[in-house]
Amino acid sequence: MKWKIREMLEANNITAYRLWKDSGLAQQTVYTLAQNKGDRVDLNTLSTVITTLERLTHRRVELADVLEVVRNA
């Protein structure tokens, strides 16, 4: 799995700082995910990230917008 949160933030001119502040999540959690370093996430955290991104972007955010399945060929 690959996190696509950084790409989502950049495409919408949102900083990781703004996502952190608006989400209420732990700072380390947001920055870890934004740097594609997270290897697991709580479903509540994922829900909070998606909900916050929807509020910030004013559009629907799908799971595929923040996570990508990477298959080894």
C-alpha atoms as a PDB file:
ATOM      1  CA  MET A   1       0.000   0.000   0.000  1.00  0.00           C
ATOM      2  CA  LYS A   2       1.125   3.523  -0.713  1.00  0.00           C
ATOM      3  CA  TRP A   3      -0.244   6.633   0.953  1.00  0.00           C
ATOM      4  CA  LYS A   4      -1.266   9.371  -1.471  1.00  0.00           C
ATOM      5  CA  ILE A   5      -2.033  12.027   1.126  1.00  0.00           C
ATOM      6  CA  ARG A   6       0.904  14.228   0.103  1.00  0.00           C
ATOM      7  CA  GLU A   7      -0.287  14.228  -3.506  1.00  0.00           C
ATOM      8  CA  MET A   8      -3.813  15.052  -2.351  1.00  0.00           C
ATOM      9  CA  LEU A   9      -2.545  17.917  -0.206  1.00  0.00           C
ATOM     10  CA  GLU A  10      -0.321  19.335  -2.962  1.00  0.00           C
ATOM     11  CA  ALA A  11      -3.052  19.102  -5.598  1.00  0.00           C
ATOM     12  CA  ASN A  12      -5.340  21.153  -3.365  1.00  0.00           C
ATOM     13  CA  ASN A  13      -2.759  23.605  -1.956  1.00  0.00           C
ATOM     14  CA  ILE A  14      -3.230  22.294   1.578  1.00  0.00           C
ATOM     15  CA  THR A  15      -0.356  21.867   3.999  1.00  0.00           C
ATOM     16  CA  ALA A  16       0.165  18.918   6.316  1.00  0.00           C
ATOM     17  CA  TYR A  17       0.056  21.505   9.105  1.00  0.00           C
ATOM     18  CA  ARG A  18      -3.456  22.539   8.070  1.00  0.00           C
ATOM     19  CA  LEU A  19      -4.595  18.914   7.879  1.00  0.00           C
ATOM     20  CA  TRP A  20      -3.143  18.311  11.335  1.00  0.00           C
ATOM     21  CA  LYS A  21      -4.765  21.391  12.880  1.00  0.00           C
ATOM     22  CA  ASP A  22      -8.167  20.846  11.274  1.00  0.00           C
ATOM     23  CA  SER A  23      -8.296  17.091  11.918  1.00  0.00           C
ATOM     24  CA  GLY A  24      -7.404  17.081  15.597  1.00  0.00           C
ATOM     25  CA  LEU A  25      -5.186  14.052  15.013  1.00  0.00           C
ATOM     26  CA  ALA A  26      -1.753  13.725  16.565  1.00  0.00           C
ATOM     27  CA  GLN A  27       0.838  15.801  14.722  1.00  0.00           C
ATOM     28  CA  GLN A  28       3.149  12.806  14.278  1.00  0.00           C
ATOM     29  CA  THR A  29       0.334  10.763  12.749  1.00  0.00           C
ATOM     30  CA  VAL A  30      -0.468  13.344  10.086  1.00  0.00           C
ATOM     31  CA  TYR A  31       3.153  14.025   9.177  1.00  0.00           C
ATOM     32  CA  THR A  32       3.964  10.291   9.026  1.00  0.00           C
ATOM     33  CA  LEU A  33       1.069   9.671   6.637  1.00  0.00           C
ATOM     34  CA  ALA A  34       1.886  12.747   4.555  1.00  0.00           C
ATOM     35  CA  GLN A  35       5.454  11.456   4.138  1.00  0.00           C
ATOM     36  CA  ASN A  36       4.195   8.031   3.036  1.00  0.00           C
ATOM     37  CA  LYS A  37       5.927   6.418   6.003  1.00  0.00           C
ATOM     38  CA  GLY A  38       2.890   4.941   7.723  1.00  0.00           C
ATOM     39  CA  ASP A  39       2.639   1.174   7.507  1.00  0.00           C
ATOM     40  CA  ARG A  40      -0.698   0.922   9.315  1.00  0.00           C
ATOM     41  CA  VAL A  41      -3.536   3.136  10.342  1.00  0.00           C
ATOM     42  CA  ASP A  42      -6.527   2.939  12.612  1.00  0.00           C
ATOM     43  CA  LEU A  43      -9.843   3.032  10.747  1.00  0.00           C
ATOM     44  CA  ASN A  44     -10.969   5.982  12.858  1.00  0.00           C
ATOM     45  CA  THR A  45      -7.822   7.861  11.826  1.00  0.00           C
ATOM     46  CA  LEU A  46      -8.455   7.068   8.174  1.00  0.00           C
ATOM     47  CA  SER A  47     -12.043   8.246   8.511  1.00  0.00           C
ATOM     48  CA  THR A  48     -10.903  11.473  10.156  1.00  0.00           C
ATOM     49  CA  VAL A  49      -8.347  12.140   7.414  1.00  0.00           C
ATOM     50  CA  ILE A  50     -10.928  11.596   4.672  1.00  0.00           C
ATOM     51  CA  THR A  51     -13.599  13.669   6.423  1.00  0.00           C
ATOM     52  CA  THR A  52     -11.156  16.515   7.045  1.00  0.00           C
ATOM     53  CA  LEU A  53      -9.936  16.456   3.440  1.00  0.00           C
ATOM     54  CA  GLU A  54     -13.545  16.621   2.261  1.00  0.00           C
ATOM     55  CA  ARG A  55     -14.105  19.689   4.429  1.00  0.00           C
ATOM     56  CA  LEU A  56     -10.923  21.346   3.193  1.00  0.00           C
ATOM     57  CA  THR A  57     -11.402  20.543  -0.506  1.00  0.00           C
ATOM     58  CA  HIS A  58     -15.195  20.896  -0.625  1.00  0.00           C
ATOM     59  CA  ARG A  59     -15.437  17.662  -2.589  1.00  0.00           C
ATOM     60  CA  ARG A  60     -15.981  13.980  -1.956  1.00  0.00           C
ATOM     61  CA  VAL A  61     -12.785  12.087  -1.124  1.00  0.00           C
ATOM     62  CA  GLU A  62     -12.638   8.374  -1.828  1.00  0.00           C
ATOM     63  CA  LEU A  63     -10.357   5.789  -0.255  1.00  0.00           C
ATOM     64  CA  ALA A  64      -8.473   5.528  -3.554  1.00  0.00           C
ATOM     65  CA  ASP A  65      -7.670   9.251  -3.290  1.00  0.00           C
ATOM     66  CA  VAL A  66      -5.539   8.628  -0.197  1.00  0.00           C
ATOM     67  CA  LEU A  67      -4.399   4.999  -0.584  1.00  0.00           C
ATOM     68  CA  GLU A  68      -3.046   3.074  -3.546  1.00  0.00           C
ATOM     69  CA  VAL A  69      -2.522  -0.651  -3.827  1.00  0.00           C
ATOM     70  CA  VAL A  70       0.990  -1.409  -5.061  1.00  0.00           C
ATOM     71  CA  ARG A  71       1.413  -4.876  -6.480  1.00  0.00           C
ATOM     72  CA  ASN A  72       4.795  -6.488  -7.048  1.00  0.00           C
ATOM     73  CA  ALA A  73       4.833  -7.909 -10.555  1.00  0.00           C
END
